[in-house]
N, C-alpha and C. Protein backbone atom coordinates (compact mmCIF):
# COMPACT_ATOMS: atom_id res chain seq x y z
N UNK A 1 -25.65 8.00 16.72
CA UNK A 1 -24.50 7.15 16.61
C UNK A 1 -23.92 6.90 17.99
N UNK A 2 -23.54 5.70 18.21
CA UNK A 2 -22.98 5.31 19.49
C UNK A 2 -21.48 5.10 19.32
N UNK A 3 -20.67 5.93 19.96
CA UNK A 3 -19.22 5.85 19.79
C UNK A 3 -18.60 5.79 21.17
N UNK A 4 -18.10 4.62 21.57
CA UNK A 4 -17.53 4.48 22.90
C UNK A 4 -16.18 3.80 22.83
N UNK A 5 -15.30 4.18 23.71
CA UNK A 5 -13.99 3.53 23.81
C UNK A 5 -14.00 2.65 25.05
N UNK A 6 -13.55 1.42 24.89
CA UNK A 6 -13.53 0.49 26.01
C UNK A 6 -12.23 -0.29 25.98
N UNK A 7 -11.95 -1.01 27.02
CA UNK A 7 -10.80 -1.91 27.06
C UNK A 7 -11.32 -3.34 27.12
N UNK A 8 -10.83 -4.18 26.23
CA UNK A 8 -11.13 -5.59 26.32
C UNK A 8 -9.80 -6.32 26.44
N UNK A 9 -9.85 -7.55 26.88
CA UNK A 9 -8.59 -8.27 27.05
C UNK A 9 -8.54 -9.46 26.13
N UNK A 10 -7.39 -9.65 25.52
CA UNK A 10 -7.09 -10.81 24.71
C UNK A 10 -5.74 -11.31 25.19
N UNK A 11 -5.68 -12.53 25.65
CA UNK A 11 -4.44 -13.08 26.21
C UNK A 11 -3.94 -12.22 27.37
N UNK A 12 -4.84 -11.70 28.18
CA UNK A 12 -4.53 -10.87 29.34
C UNK A 12 -3.80 -9.58 28.99
N UNK A 13 -3.85 -9.15 27.73
CA UNK A 13 -3.24 -7.90 27.31
C UNK A 13 -4.36 -6.91 26.99
N UNK A 14 -4.32 -5.72 27.61
CA UNK A 14 -5.38 -4.75 27.31
C UNK A 14 -5.38 -4.37 25.82
N UNK A 15 -6.54 -4.31 25.25
CA UNK A 15 -6.68 -3.95 23.84
C UNK A 15 -7.74 -2.88 23.71
N UNK A 16 -7.33 -1.62 23.50
CA UNK A 16 -8.34 -0.56 23.35
C UNK A 16 -9.21 -0.84 22.12
N UNK A 17 -10.50 -0.63 22.28
CA UNK A 17 -11.43 -0.82 21.16
C UNK A 17 -12.37 0.36 21.05
N UNK A 18 -12.87 0.56 19.85
CA UNK A 18 -13.89 1.58 19.59
C UNK A 18 -15.07 0.86 18.97
N UNK A 19 -16.25 1.14 19.48
CA UNK A 19 -17.47 0.53 18.96
C UNK A 19 -18.29 1.65 18.32
N UNK A 20 -18.66 1.45 17.04
CA UNK A 20 -19.40 2.46 16.29
C UNK A 20 -20.56 1.79 15.59
N UNK A 21 -21.75 2.34 15.77
CA UNK A 21 -22.92 1.78 15.12
C UNK A 21 -23.34 2.73 13.99
N UNK A 22 -23.44 2.17 12.79
CA UNK A 22 -23.91 2.92 11.62
C UNK A 22 -25.09 2.16 11.07
N UNK A 23 -26.25 2.77 11.19
CA UNK A 23 -27.47 2.07 10.78
C UNK A 23 -27.69 0.87 11.67
N UNK A 24 -27.88 -0.30 11.07
CA UNK A 24 -28.09 -1.52 11.83
C UNK A 24 -26.82 -2.33 12.01
N UNK A 25 -25.69 -1.78 11.56
CA UNK A 25 -24.42 -2.49 11.65
C UNK A 25 -23.56 -1.88 12.73
N UNK A 26 -22.99 -2.72 13.60
CA UNK A 26 -22.08 -2.28 14.65
C UNK A 26 -20.67 -2.72 14.28
N UNK A 27 -19.76 -1.76 14.25
CA UNK A 27 -18.35 -2.03 13.94
C UNK A 27 -17.55 -1.97 15.23
N UNK A 28 -16.70 -2.94 15.46
CA UNK A 28 -15.81 -2.94 16.61
C UNK A 28 -14.38 -2.93 16.07
N UNK A 29 -13.64 -1.88 16.40
CA UNK A 29 -12.27 -1.73 15.90
C UNK A 29 -11.32 -1.85 17.07
N UNK A 30 -10.38 -2.77 16.98
CA UNK A 30 -9.36 -2.93 18.01
C UNK A 30 -8.14 -2.13 17.59
N UNK A 31 -7.55 -1.41 18.53
CA UNK A 31 -6.43 -0.52 18.25
C UNK A 31 -5.14 -1.18 18.71
N UNK A 32 -4.12 -1.12 17.85
CA UNK A 32 -2.82 -1.69 18.17
C UNK A 32 -1.75 -0.65 17.90
N UNK A 33 -0.85 -0.45 18.84
CA UNK A 33 0.25 0.48 18.69
C UNK A 33 1.55 -0.31 18.73
N UNK A 34 2.39 -0.10 17.73
CA UNK A 34 3.67 -0.80 17.65
C UNK A 34 4.64 -0.24 18.67
N UNK A 35 5.30 -1.12 19.40
CA UNK A 35 6.31 -0.70 20.37
C UNK A 35 7.62 -0.33 19.68
N UNK A 36 7.77 -0.70 18.40
CA UNK A 36 9.02 -0.43 17.68
C UNK A 36 8.86 0.65 16.61
N UNK A 37 7.76 1.39 16.65
CA UNK A 37 7.52 2.44 15.65
C UNK A 37 8.61 3.50 15.71
N UNK A 38 8.95 4.02 14.55
CA UNK A 38 10.01 5.02 14.48
C UNK A 38 9.46 6.44 14.34
N UNK A 39 8.14 6.59 14.22
CA UNK A 39 7.54 7.91 14.15
C UNK A 39 6.40 8.00 15.15
N UNK A 40 6.16 9.20 15.66
CA UNK A 40 5.08 9.40 16.62
C UNK A 40 3.75 9.43 15.88
N UNK A 41 2.67 9.33 16.63
CA UNK A 41 1.34 9.41 16.03
C UNK A 41 1.15 10.77 15.36
N UNK A 42 1.66 11.82 16.00
CA UNK A 42 1.55 13.17 15.42
C UNK A 42 2.28 13.23 14.08
N UNK A 43 3.50 12.68 14.02
CA UNK A 43 4.27 12.67 12.77
C UNK A 43 3.54 11.87 11.69
N UNK A 44 2.94 10.77 12.07
CA UNK A 44 2.23 9.92 11.11
C UNK A 44 1.03 10.66 10.53
N UNK A 45 0.27 11.33 11.38
CA UNK A 45 -0.91 12.07 10.91
C UNK A 45 -0.48 13.18 9.97
N UNK A 46 0.58 13.92 10.33
CA UNK A 46 1.07 14.98 9.46
C UNK A 46 1.50 14.43 8.11
N UNK A 47 2.21 13.28 8.12
CA UNK A 47 2.65 12.66 6.88
C UNK A 47 1.47 12.26 6.01
N UNK A 48 0.45 11.66 6.63
CA UNK A 48 -0.74 11.24 5.88
C UNK A 48 -1.46 12.44 5.27
N UNK A 49 -1.55 13.53 6.04
CA UNK A 49 -2.20 14.74 5.53
C UNK A 49 -1.41 15.35 4.37
N UNK A 50 -0.08 15.40 4.50
CA UNK A 50 0.75 15.93 3.41
C UNK A 50 0.56 15.11 2.13
N UNK A 51 0.55 13.79 2.27
CA UNK A 51 0.37 12.93 1.10
C UNK A 51 -1.01 13.13 0.47
N UNK A 52 -2.02 13.29 1.29
CA UNK A 52 -3.37 13.49 0.79
C UNK A 52 -3.47 14.83 0.03
N UNK A 53 -2.87 15.87 0.57
CA UNK A 53 -2.89 17.18 -0.09
C UNK A 53 -2.12 17.10 -1.41
N UNK A 54 -1.00 16.39 -1.42
CA UNK A 54 -0.20 16.26 -2.63
C UNK A 54 -0.99 15.56 -3.74
N UNK A 55 -1.85 14.62 -3.37
CA UNK A 55 -2.66 13.90 -4.37
C UNK A 55 -3.72 14.79 -5.00
N UNK A 56 -4.15 15.80 -4.28
CA UNK A 56 -5.21 16.69 -4.77
C UNK A 56 -4.70 17.57 -5.83
């Protein structure tokens, strides 16, 4: 599997991307972070994990 992080530009704004190849298909995911978010990434991950455990 090929997993690399790169920077590409759209409208002269850096856009972090991750490229992942699974079989013969290559997925390119562009990452966007909100400047107005009210929770940190750590808080968001903890919240998602709590919700997932609660569903089990």
